[in-house]
Amino acid sequence: MLTLKSQAGQRPAVADDGWRIPDDLWRRIEPLLPPRPRHPLGCHNPRVPDRAAMDAIVFVLRTGCQWNALNATGICTSSSAHRRFQEWARAGVFAAFWREGLLAYDGLVGIDWTWLSLDGAQGQAPLGGGKTGPNPTGRGKRGCKRSVLTDGRGVRLGLVIAGANVNDHLLLRETLAAIPVPRPDPSARDPQHLCLDKGYDYTGPRETAAEYGFELHLRRRGEEIVETRELGKRARRWVVERCHSWFNRFRALLIRWSKKPQNALALLHVAAAVIAWRHLLVG
């Protein structure tokens, strides 16, 4: 797990092993990092390399371990990693990393704006903090909800967090407004469809979808599921469920330990960026 230097003193190439930031992704995020802050007294202990700090952040995100557990890995001290994480989160590095990944993906592959899917998912938040609330499906324990919008292939386009007791339909407008890249205007020739489940069957979501120019696909509450799929048509909304499954593979997102909502959202941005870049680099 630890990265050893070669005999020439150079760091060996790092593949995408899921535990560290691979070389391809590091080359994308390194230009986004802010310059090193100046020490007020003009002196400073040797600063932990940014690459080591980013490796530690990815390790915490992937394993869900406590920040203090980093001291036993040899990757980076927990204090340095967490301090750098908060510094970069305040500077908007992780949100920019996600945005750059979406722009690159759109330029090479093309975002599928034709069919969009949106849904929320709940998770535990044992330590509480901002934007948490009693989970109605978890015996009232503290929890957090993430609302995600995806394109037709499951790439994340919008992402917000709230307390677990906030209804999904109340986060629709905020999630659509969180799209970090330009959205093309829908037209009669190129319509944009939005797929939602029964939890959004309210007047507000219908008005919001119409305001944004979407053709809404929403099954009404109480409506029985009847198999009416026609030949040549395929299911669309499952991509957002797969999206939440991909998020849960980052164990730090499965259970939220961050009390600060900005830190919890920053971890989501890192995961969303990694997945977007993997769509682009892996294909």
C-alpha atoms as a PDB file:
ATOM      1  CA  MET A   1       0.000   0.000   0.000  1.00  0.00           C
ATOM      2  CA  LEU A   2       2.912   2.327   0.662  1.00  0.00           C
ATOM      3  CA  THR A   3       4.682   3.942  -2.272  1.00  0.00           C
ATOM      4  CA  LEU A   4       8.453   3.458  -2.312  1.00  0.00           C
ATOM      5  CA  LYS A   5      10.860   5.612  -4.274  1.00  0.00           C
ATOM      6  CA  SER A   6      12.940   4.139  -7.028  1.00  0.00           C
ATOM      7  CA  GLN A   7      16.748   3.994  -6.911  1.00  0.00           C
ATOM      8  CA  ALA A   8      16.940   7.177  -8.960  1.00  0.00           C
ATOM      9  CA  GLY A   9      14.925   8.990  -6.287  1.00  0.00           C
ATOM     10  CA  GLN A  10      11.853   9.291  -8.495  1.00  0.00           C
ATOM     11  CA  ARG A  11       8.407   8.187  -7.459  1.00  0.00           C
ATOM     12  CA  PRO A  12       7.360   5.114  -9.461  1.00  0.00           C
ATOM     13  CA  ALA A  13       4.261   5.226 -11.608  1.00  0.00           C
ATOM     14  CA  VAL A  14       1.034   4.711  -9.693  1.00  0.00           C
ATOM     15  CA  ALA A  15      -1.806   2.894 -11.374  1.00  0.00           C
ATOM     16  CA  ASP A  16      -5.446   3.261 -10.385  1.00  0.00           C
ATOM     17  CA  ASP A  17      -5.466   0.771  -7.512  1.00  0.00           C
ATOM     18  CA  GLY A  18      -8.342   2.519  -5.747  1.00  0.00           C
ATOM     19  CA  TRP A  19      -6.322   3.380  -2.647  1.00  0.00           C
ATOM     20  CA  ARG A  20      -4.181   6.264  -3.909  1.00  0.00           C
ATOM     21  CA  ILE A  21      -4.531   9.026  -6.454  1.00  0.00           C
ATOM     22  CA  PRO A  22      -3.292   7.561  -9.764  1.00  0.00           C
ATOM     23  CA  ASP A  23      -0.882   9.466 -11.980  1.00  0.00           C
ATOM     24  CA  ASP A  24      -3.521  10.304 -14.591  1.00  0.00           C
ATOM     25  CA  LEU A  25      -5.814  11.923 -12.023  1.00  0.00           C
ATOM     26  CA  TRP A  26      -2.962  13.650 -10.200  1.00  0.00           C
ATOM     27  CA  ARG A  27      -1.974  15.449 -13.391  1.00  0.00           C
ATOM     28  CA  ARG A  28      -5.543  16.803 -13.582  1.00  0.00           C
ATOM     29  CA  ILE A  29      -5.889  17.975  -9.995  1.00  0.00           C
ATOM     30  CA  GLU A  30      -2.387  19.321  -9.365  1.00  0.00           C
ATOM     31  CA  PRO A  31      -2.911  22.545 -11.420  1.00  0.00           C
ATOM     32  CA  LEU A  32      -6.044  23.284  -9.344  1.00  0.00           C
ATOM     33  CA  LEU A  33      -4.232  23.314  -6.003  1.00  0.00           C
ATOM     34  CA  PRO A  34      -3.693  26.709  -4.371  1.00  0.00           C
ATOM     35  CA  PRO A  35      -0.102  27.922  -3.750  1.00  0.00           C
ATOM     36  CA  ARG A  36       1.492  27.167  -0.423  1.00  0.00           C
ATOM     37  CA  PRO A  37       0.492  29.781   2.166  1.00  0.00           C
ATOM     38  CA  ARG A  38       3.289  31.911   3.575  1.00  0.00           C
ATOM     39  CA  HIS A  39       4.210  31.447   7.216  1.00  0.00           C
ATOM     40  CA  PRO A  40       3.651  34.659   9.255  1.00  0.00           C
ATOM     41  CA  LEU A  41       7.153  34.396  10.776  1.00  0.00           C
ATOM     42  CA  GLY A  42       8.852  33.638   7.496  1.00  0.00           C
ATOM     43  CA  CYS A  43       9.764  30.097   8.473  1.00  0.00           C
ATOM     44  CA  HIS A  44       8.038  26.764   8.307  1.00  0.00           C
ATOM     45  CA  ASN A  45       8.659  23.079   8.878  1.00  0.00           C
ATOM     46  CA  PRO A  46       9.066  21.079   5.679  1.00  0.00           C
ATOM     47  CA  ARG A  47       5.594  20.842   4.190  1.00  0.00           C
ATOM     48  CA  VAL A  48       4.153  17.410   3.442  1.00  0.00           C
ATOM     49  CA  PRO A  49       4.106  16.937  -0.343  1.00  0.00           C
ATOM     50  CA  ASP A  50       0.728  17.631  -1.890  1.00  0.00           C
ATOM     51  CA  ARG A  51       0.763  14.223  -3.576  1.00  0.00           C
ATOM     52  CA  ALA A  52       1.145  12.446  -0.237  1.00  0.00           C
ATOM     53  CA  ALA A  53      -1.696  14.495   1.267  1.00  0.00           C
ATOM     54  CA  MET A  54      -3.944  13.653  -1.689  1.00  0.00           C
ATOM     55  CA  ASP A  55      -3.066   9.967  -1.364  1.00  0.00           C
ATOM     56  CA  ALA A  56      -4.122  10.140   2.272  1.00  0.00           C
ATOM     57  CA  ILE A  57      -7.413  11.844   1.397  1.00  0.00           C
ATOM     58  CA  VAL A  58      -8.220   9.155  -1.192  1.00  0.00           C
ATOM     59  CA  PHE A  59      -7.287   6.461   1.327  1.00  0.00           C
ATOM     60  CA  VAL A  60      -9.704   7.865   3.922  1.00  0.00           C
ATOM     61  CA  LEU A  61     -12.418   8.275   1.279  1.00  0.00           C
ATOM     62  CA  ARG A  62     -11.977   4.743  -0.005  1.00  0.00           C
ATOM     63  CA  THR A  63     -11.675   2.909   3.326  1.00  0.00           C
ATOM     64  CA  GLY A  64     -13.843   5.077   5.588  1.00  0.00           C
ATOM     65  CA  CYS A  65     -11.189   4.954   8.309  1.00  0.00           C
ATOM     66  CA  GLN A  66     -10.715   7.705  10.871  1.00  0.00           C
ATOM     67  CA  TRP A  67      -8.265  10.443   9.983  1.00  0.00           C
ATOM     68  CA  ASN A  68      -6.093   9.478  12.974  1.00  0.00           C
ATOM     69  CA  ALA A  69      -5.685   6.003  11.490  1.00  0.00           C
ATOM     70  CA  LEU A  70      -3.481   7.536   8.794  1.00  0.00           C
ATOM     71  CA  ASN A  71      -0.615   7.725  11.286  1.00  0.00           C
ATOM     72  CA  ALA A  72      -0.244   3.943  11.090  1.00  0.00           C
ATOM     73  CA  THR A  73      -0.137   3.799   7.288  1.00  0.00           C
ATOM     74  CA  GLY A  74       2.991   5.856   6.646  1.00  0.00           C
ATOM     75  CA  ILE A  75       1.237   7.726   3.836  1.00  0.00           C
ATOM     76  CA  CYS A  76       0.876  11.038   5.630  1.00  0.00           C
ATOM     77  CA  THR A  77       0.235  12.232   9.173  1.00  0.00           C
ATOM     78  CA  SER A  78      -3.411  12.649  10.047  1.00  0.00           C
ATOM     79  CA  SER A  79      -3.021  16.297  11.060  1.00  0.00           C
ATOM     80  CA  SER A  80      -1.347  17.253   7.782  1.00  0.00           C
ATOM     81  CA  ALA A  81      -3.831  15.333   5.655  1.00  0.00           C
ATOM     82  CA  HIS A  82      -6.913  16.729   7.389  1.00  0.00           C
ATOM     83  CA  ARG A  83      -5.536  20.268   7.423  1.00  0.00           C
ATOM     84  CA  ARG A  84      -4.749  20.070   3.698  1.00  0.00           C
ATOM     85  CA  PHE A  85      -8.178  18.551   2.995  1.00  0.00           C
ATOM     86  CA  GLN A  86      -9.969  21.446   4.690  1.00  0.00           C
ATOM     87  CA  GLU A  87      -7.675  23.992   3.033  1.00  0.00           C
ATOM     88  CA  TRP A  88      -8.431  22.598  -0.410  1.00  0.00           C
ATOM     89  CA  ALA A  89     -12.150  22.244   0.349  1.00  0.00           C
ATOM     90  CA  ARG A  90     -12.350  25.942   1.289  1.00  0.00           C
ATOM     91  CA  ALA A  91     -10.492  26.825  -1.914  1.00  0.00           C
ATOM     92  CA  GLY A  92     -13.039  24.873  -3.996  1.00  0.00           C
ATOM     93  CA  VAL A  93     -10.422  22.467  -5.359  1.00  0.00           C
ATOM     94  CA  PHE A  94     -12.581  19.357  -5.208  1.00  0.00           C
ATOM     95  CA  ALA A  95     -15.630  21.025  -6.756  1.00  0.00           C
ATOM     96  CA  ALA A  96     -13.386  22.338  -9.547  1.00  0.00           C
ATOM     97  CA  PHE A  97     -11.863  18.867  -9.993  1.00  0.00           C
ATOM     98  CA  TRP A  98     -15.353  17.442 -10.512  1.00  0.00           C
ATOM     99  CA  ARG A  99     -16.295  20.242 -12.900  1.00  0.00           C
ATOM    100  CA  GLU A 100     -13.133  19.781 -14.974  1.00  0.00           C
ATOM    101  CA  GLY A 101     -13.852  16.067 -15.200  1.00  0.00           C
ATOM    102  CA  LEU A 102     -17.370  16.739 -16.489  1.00  0.00           C
ATOM    103  CA  LEU A 103     -16.101  19.260 -19.045  1.00  0.00           C
ATOM    104  CA  ALA A 104     -13.467  16.839 -20.300  1.00  0.00           C
ATOM    105  CA  TYR A 105     -16.002  14.033 -20.461  1.00  0.00           C
ATOM    106  CA  ASP A 106     -18.446  16.237 -22.338  1.00  0.00           C
ATOM    107  CA  GLY A 107     -15.760  17.251 -24.825  1.00  0.00           C
ATOM    108  CA  LEU A 108     -14.560  13.726 -25.579  1.00  0.00           C
ATOM    109  CA  VAL A 109     -17.619  11.492 -25.064  1.00  0.00           C
ATOM    110  CA  GLY A 110     -20.497  13.931 -24.672  1.00  0.00           C
ATOM    111  CA  ILE A 111     -22.848  14.242 -21.710  1.00  0.00           C
ATOM    112  CA  ASP A 112     -26.122  12.463 -22.447  1.00  0.00           C
ATOM    113  CA  TRP A 113     -28.567  15.279 -21.717  1.00  0.00           C
ATOM    114  CA  THR A 114     -31.417  13.439 -23.428  1.00  0.00           C
ATOM    115  CA  TRP A 115     -32.339  11.256 -20.453  1.00  0.00           C
ATOM    116  CA  LEU A 116     -31.612  12.492 -16.931  1.00  0.00           C
ATOM    117  CA  SER A 117     -32.427  10.691 -13.690  1.00  0.00           C
ATOM    118  CA  LEU A 118     -32.627  12.091 -10.172  1.00  0.00           C
ATOM    119  CA  ASP A 119     -33.068  10.445  -6.801  1.00  0.00           C
ATOM    120  CA  GLY A 120     -31.972  10.660  -3.178  1.00  0.00           C
ATOM    121  CA  ALA A 121     -30.250   8.169  -0.880  1.00  0.00           C
ATOM    122  CA  GLN A 122     -29.950   8.122   2.901  1.00  0.00           C
ATOM    123  CA  GLY A 123     -26.953   7.260   5.017  1.00  0.00           C
ATOM    124  CA  GLN A 124     -25.945   7.207   8.645  1.00  0.00           C
ATOM    125  CA  ALA A 125     -24.366  10.192  10.397  1.00  0.00           C
ATOM    126  CA  PRO A 126     -23.601   8.986  13.949  1.00  0.00           C
ATOM    127  CA  LEU A 127     -21.765  12.167  14.988  1.00  0.00           C
ATOM    128  CA  GLY A 128     -24.483  14.501  13.719  1.00  0.00           C
ATOM    129  CA  GLY A 129     -23.461  17.934  12.541  1.00  0.00           C
ATOM    130  CA  GLY A 130     -24.851  20.341   9.980  1.00  0.00           C
ATOM    131  CA  LYS A 131     -27.323  19.071   7.376  1.00  0.00           C
ATOM    132  CA  THR A 132     -28.188  15.913   9.294  1.00  0.00           C
ATOM    133  CA  GLY A 133     -31.497  14.871  10.777  1.00  0.00           C
ATOM    134  CA  PRO A 134     -33.454  11.932  12.211  1.00  0.00           C
ATOM    135  CA  ASN A 135     -33.676   9.147   9.698  1.00  0.00           C
ATOM    136  CA  PRO A 136     -37.345   8.091   9.322  1.00  0.00           C
ATOM    137  CA  THR A 137     -36.240   4.652   8.097  1.00  0.00           C
ATOM    138  CA  GLY A 138     -33.516   4.209  10.721  1.00  0.00           C
ATOM    139  CA  ARG A 139     -35.472   4.436  14.006  1.00  0.00           C
ATOM    140  CA  GLY A 140     -34.846   8.168  14.200  1.00  0.00           C
ATOM    141  CA  LYS A 141     -31.052   7.920  14.331  1.00  0.00           C
ATOM    142  CA  ARG A 142     -29.053  10.790  12.865  1.00  0.00           C
ATOM    143  CA  GLY A 143     -28.619  10.532   9.145  1.00  0.00           C
ATOM    144  CA  CYS A 144     -27.730  12.444   5.982  1.00  0.00           C
ATOM    145  CA  LYS A 145     -29.309  12.432   2.538  1.00  0.00           C
ATOM    146  CA  ARG A 146     -27.619  13.048  -0.784  1.00  0.00           C
ATOM    147  CA  SER A 147     -29.634  14.045  -3.843  1.00  0.00           C
ATOM    148  CA  VAL A 148     -27.991  13.183  -7.155  1.00  0.00           C
ATOM    149  CA  LEU A 149     -28.763  13.998 -10.775  1.00  0.00           C
ATOM    150  CA  THR A 150     -27.183  11.822 -13.476  1.00  0.00           C
ATOM    151  CA  ASP A 151     -27.065  11.827 -17.233  1.00  0.00           C
ATOM    152  CA  GLY A 152     -28.212   8.906 -19.368  1.00  0.00           C
ATOM    153  CA  ARG A 153     -25.018   6.939 -18.610  1.00  0.00           C
ATOM    154  CA  GLY A 154     -24.982   7.565 -14.873  1.00  0.00           C
ATOM    155  CA  VAL A 155     -22.402  10.379 -14.776  1.00  0.00           C
ATOM    156  CA  ARG A 156     -23.144  12.759 -11.902  1.00  0.00           C
ATOM    157  CA  LEU A 157     -24.379  16.183 -12.980  1.00  0.00           C
ATOM    158  CA  GLY A 158     -25.871  17.605  -9.767  1.00  0.00           C
ATOM    159  CA  LEU A 159     -25.169  16.887  -6.123  1.00  0.00           C
ATOM    160  CA  VAL A 160     -26.471  18.317  -2.826  1.00  0.00           C
ATOM    161  CA  ILE A 161     -26.793  17.062   0.759  1.00  0.00           C
ATOM    162  CA  ALA A 162     -29.431  17.560   3.448  1.00  0.00           C
ATOM    163  CA  GLY A 163     -30.763  15.944   6.585  1.00  0.00           C
ATOM    164  CA  ALA A 164     -32.173  12.438   6.278  1.00  0.00           C
ATOM    165  CA  ASN A 165     -35.620  13.741   7.258  1.00  0.00           C
ATOM    166  CA  VAL A 166     -35.845  16.095   4.256  1.00  0.00           C
ATOM    167  CA  ASN A 167     -38.175  14.738   1.585  1.00  0.00           C
ATOM    168  CA  ASP A 168     -36.612  14.007  -1.792  1.00  0.00           C
ATOM    169  CA  HIS A 169     -38.961  16.286  -3.719  1.00  0.00           C
ATOM    170  CA  LEU A 170     -37.872  19.306  -1.663  1.00  0.00           C
ATOM    171  CA  LEU A 171     -34.306  18.903  -2.997  1.00  0.00           C
ATOM    172  CA  LEU A 172     -35.218  18.768  -6.694  1.00  0.00           C
ATOM    173  CA  ARG A 173     -34.712  22.437  -7.489  1.00  0.00           C
ATOM    174  CA  GLU A 174     -31.507  22.685  -5.455  1.00  0.00           C
ATOM    175  CA  THR A 175     -30.064  19.613  -7.182  1.00  0.00           C
ATOM    176  CA  LEU A 176     -30.844  20.937 -10.654  1.00  0.00           C
ATOM    177  CA  ALA A 177     -29.304  24.280  -9.710  1.00  0.00           C
ATOM    178  CA  ALA A 178     -26.118  22.496  -8.570  1.00  0.00           C
ATOM    179  CA  ILE A 179     -25.139  21.405 -12.105  1.00  0.00           C
ATOM    180  CA  PRO A 180     -21.577  22.802 -12.421  1.00  0.00           C
ATOM    181  CA  VAL A 181     -21.363  22.770 -16.230  1.00  0.00           C
ATOM    182  CA  PRO A 182     -23.430  24.630 -18.864  1.00  0.00           C
ATOM    183  CA  ARG A 183     -26.666  22.842 -19.705  1.00  0.00           C
ATOM    184  CA  PRO A 184     -27.853  23.104 -23.309  1.00  0.00           C
ATOM    185  CA  ASP A 185     -31.288  24.537 -23.874  1.00  0.00           C
ATOM    186  CA  PRO A 186     -33.881  21.855 -24.636  1.00  0.00           C
ATOM    187  CA  SER A 187     -35.690  22.067 -27.950  1.00  0.00           C
ATOM    188  CA  ALA A 188     -38.336  20.211 -29.898  1.00  0.00           C
ATOM    189  CA  ARG A 189     -35.559  18.510 -31.858  1.00  0.00           C
ATOM    190  CA  ASP A 190     -33.424  17.713 -28.799  1.00  0.00           C
ATOM    191  CA  PRO A 191     -35.793  17.306 -25.823  1.00  0.00           C
ATOM    192  CA  GLN A 192     -34.486  16.580 -22.345  1.00  0.00           C
ATOM    193  CA  HIS A 193     -36.308  13.922 -20.324  1.00  0.00           C
ATOM    194  CA  LEU A 194     -36.242  13.766 -16.517  1.00  0.00           C
ATOM    195  CA  CYS A 195     -37.051  10.462 -14.800  1.00  0.00           C
ATOM    196  CA  LEU A 196     -38.289  10.512 -11.185  1.00  0.00           C
ATOM    197  CA  ASP A 197     -39.889   8.009  -8.837  1.00  0.00           C
ATOM    198  CA  LYS A 198     -43.151   8.286  -6.878  1.00  0.00           C
ATOM    199  CA  GLY A 199     -41.504  10.274  -4.115  1.00  0.00           C
ATOM    200  CA  TYR A 200     -41.599  13.318  -6.411  1.00  0.00           C
ATOM    201  CA  ASP A 201     -45.313  13.103  -7.205  1.00  0.00           C
ATOM    202  CA  TYR A 202     -46.168  16.600  -5.967  1.00  0.00           C
ATOM    203  CA  THR A 203     -47.131  19.855  -7.605  1.00  0.00           C
ATOM    204  CA  GLY A 204     -43.777  21.503  -6.822  1.00  0.00           C
ATOM    205  CA  PRO A 205     -41.574  19.038  -8.745  1.00  0.00           C
ATOM    206  CA  ARG A 206     -43.915  19.151 -11.736  1.00  0.00           C
ATOM    207  CA  GLU A 207     -43.720  22.931 -11.823  1.00  0.00           C
ATOM    208  CA  THR A 208     -39.942  22.855 -11.420  1.00  0.00           C
ATOM    209  CA  ALA A 209     -39.539  20.344 -14.254  1.00  0.00           C
ATOM    210  CA  ALA A 210     -41.670  22.504 -16.518  1.00  0.00           C
ATOM    211  CA  GLU A 211     -39.713  25.606 -15.532  1.00  0.00           C
ATOM    212  CA  TYR A 212     -36.447  23.900 -16.499  1.00  0.00           C
ATOM    213  CA  GLY A 213     -37.918  22.668 -19.787  1.00  0.00           C
ATOM    214  CA  PHE A 214     -37.878  18.946 -18.995  1.00  0.00           C
ATOM    215  CA  GLU A 215     -40.255  16.323 -20.292  1.00  0.00           C
ATOM    216  CA  LEU A 216     -41.159  14.685 -17.003  1.00  0.00           C
ATOM    217  CA  HIS A 217     -41.473  10.918 -16.578  1.00  0.00           C
ATOM    218  CA  LEU A 218     -43.062  10.323 -13.182  1.00  0.00           C
ATOM    219  CA  ARG A 219     -45.169   7.421 -11.982  1.00  0.00           C
ATOM    220  CA  ARG A 220     -48.042   8.575  -9.758  1.00  0.00           C
ATOM    221  CA  ARG A 221     -48.358   7.399  -6.170  1.00  0.00           C
ATOM    222  CA  GLY A 222     -50.776   4.513  -5.832  1.00  0.00           C
ATOM    223  CA  GLU A 223     -50.372   3.578  -9.474  1.00  0.00           C
ATOM    224  CA  GLU A 224     -49.762  -0.111  -9.893  1.00  0.00           C
ATOM    225  CA  ILE A 225     -46.710  -1.211 -11.812  1.00  0.00           C
ATOM    226  CA  VAL A 226     -47.855  -2.711 -15.062  1.00  0.00           C
ATOM    227  CA  GLU A 227     -45.441  -4.192 -17.547  1.00  0.00           C
ATOM    228  CA  THR A 228     -46.015  -2.075 -20.646  1.00  0.00           C
ATOM    229  CA  ARG A 229     -42.523  -1.872 -22.047  1.00  0.00           C
ATOM    230  CA  GLU A 230     -42.552  -1.753 -25.791  1.00  0.00           C
ATOM    231  CA  LEU A 231     -40.055  -3.358 -28.093  1.00  0.00           C
ATOM    232  CA  GLY A 232     -36.963  -1.181 -28.513  1.00  0.00           C
ATOM    233  CA  LYS A 233     -37.528   0.825 -25.322  1.00  0.00           C
ATOM    234  CA  ARG A 234     -35.357   0.401 -22.242  1.00  0.00           C
ATOM    235  CA  ALA A 235     -35.402   1.359 -18.587  1.00  0.00           C
ATOM    236  CA  ARG A 236     -33.862   4.745 -17.828  1.00  0.00           C
ATOM    237  CA  ARG A 237     -34.017   5.514 -14.120  1.00  0.00           C
ATOM    238  CA  TRP A 238     -31.800   2.637 -12.986  1.00  0.00           C
ATOM    239  CA  VAL A 239     -28.642   4.610 -13.752  1.00  0.00           C
ATOM    240  CA  VAL A 240     -29.172   6.867 -10.726  1.00  0.00           C
ATOM    241  CA  GLU A 241     -29.530   3.801  -8.492  1.00  0.00           C
ATOM    242  CA  ARG A 242     -26.252   2.489  -9.874  1.00  0.00           C
ATOM    243  CA  CYS A 243     -24.757   5.915  -9.222  1.00  0.00           C
ATOM    244  CA  HIS A 244     -25.612   5.671  -5.513  1.00  0.00           C
ATOM    245  CA  SER A 245     -24.119   2.177  -5.472  1.00  0.00           C
ATOM    246  CA  TRP A 246     -20.853   3.544  -6.882  1.00  0.00           C
ATOM    247  CA  PHE A 247     -20.827   6.230  -4.203  1.00  0.00           C
ATOM    248  CA  ASN A 248     -21.272   3.611  -1.487  1.00  0.00           C
ATOM    249  CA  ARG A 249     -18.108   1.857  -2.623  1.00  0.00           C
ATOM    250  CA  PHE A 250     -16.306   4.816  -1.098  1.00  0.00           C
ATOM    251  CA  ARG A 251     -16.756   3.748   2.508  1.00  0.00           C
ATOM    252  CA  ALA A 252     -16.445   7.278   3.900  1.00  0.00           C
ATOM    253  CA  LEU A 253     -19.687   8.107   2.061  1.00  0.00           C
ATOM    254  CA  LEU A 254     -21.594   5.083   3.299  1.00  0.00           C
ATOM    255  CA  ILE A 255     -21.387   6.390   6.882  1.00  0.00           C
ATOM    256  CA  ARG A 256     -20.813  10.110   7.295  1.00  0.00           C
ATOM    257  CA  TRP A 257     -18.359  10.909  10.085  1.00  0.00           C
ATOM    258  CA  SER A 258     -17.804  14.558   9.157  1.00  0.00           C
ATOM    259  CA  LYS A 259     -19.650  17.002  11.397  1.00  0.00           C
ATOM    260  CA  LYS A 260     -19.076  19.912   9.033  1.00  0.00           C
ATOM    261  CA  PRO A 261     -21.393  19.760   6.000  1.00  0.00           C
ATOM    262  CA  GLN A 262     -18.745  21.402   3.799  1.00  0.00           C
ATOM    263  CA  ASN A 263     -16.359  18.538   4.554  1.00  0.00           C
ATOM    264  CA  ALA A 264     -19.018  15.924   3.820  1.00  0.00           C
ATOM    265  CA  LEU A 265     -19.843  17.618   0.523  1.00  0.00           C
ATOM    266  CA  ALA A 266     -16.136  17.906  -0.347  1.00  0.00           C
ATOM    267  CA  LEU A 267     -15.706  14.130   0.019  1.00  0.00           C
ATOM    268  CA  LEU A 268     -18.682  13.639  -2.291  1.00  0.00           C
ATOM    269  CA  HIS A 269     -17.063  15.977  -4.817  1.00  0.00           C
ATOM    270  CA  VAL A 270     -13.827  13.964  -4.704  1.00  0.00           C
ATOM    271  CA  ALA A 271     -15.728  10.720  -5.317  1.00  0.00           C
ATOM    272  CA  ALA A 272     -17.803  12.290  -8.107  1.00  0.00           C
ATOM    273  CA  ALA A 273     -14.637  13.640  -9.736  1.00  0.00           C
ATOM    274  CA  VAL A 274     -12.844  10.290  -9.550  1.00  0.00           C
ATOM    275  CA  ILE A 275     -15.820   8.509 -11.131  1.00  0.00           C
ATOM    276  CA  ALA A 276     -16.194  11.144 -13.870  1.00  0.00           C
ATOM    277  CA  TRP A 277     -12.509  10.943 -14.777  1.00  0.00           C
ATOM    278  CA  ARG A 278     -12.641   7.142 -14.742  1.00  0.00           C
ATOM    279  CA  HIS A 279     -15.524   7.269 -17.220  1.00  0.00           C
ATOM    280  CA  LEU A 280     -13.276   9.343 -19.440  1.00  0.00           C
ATOM    281  CA  LEU A 281      -9.946   7.551 -18.990  1.00  0.00           C
ATOM    282  CA  VAL A 282     -11.213   3.978 -18.826  1.00  0.00           C
ATOM    283  CA  GLY A 283     -14.093   4.390 -21.265  1.00  0.00           C
END
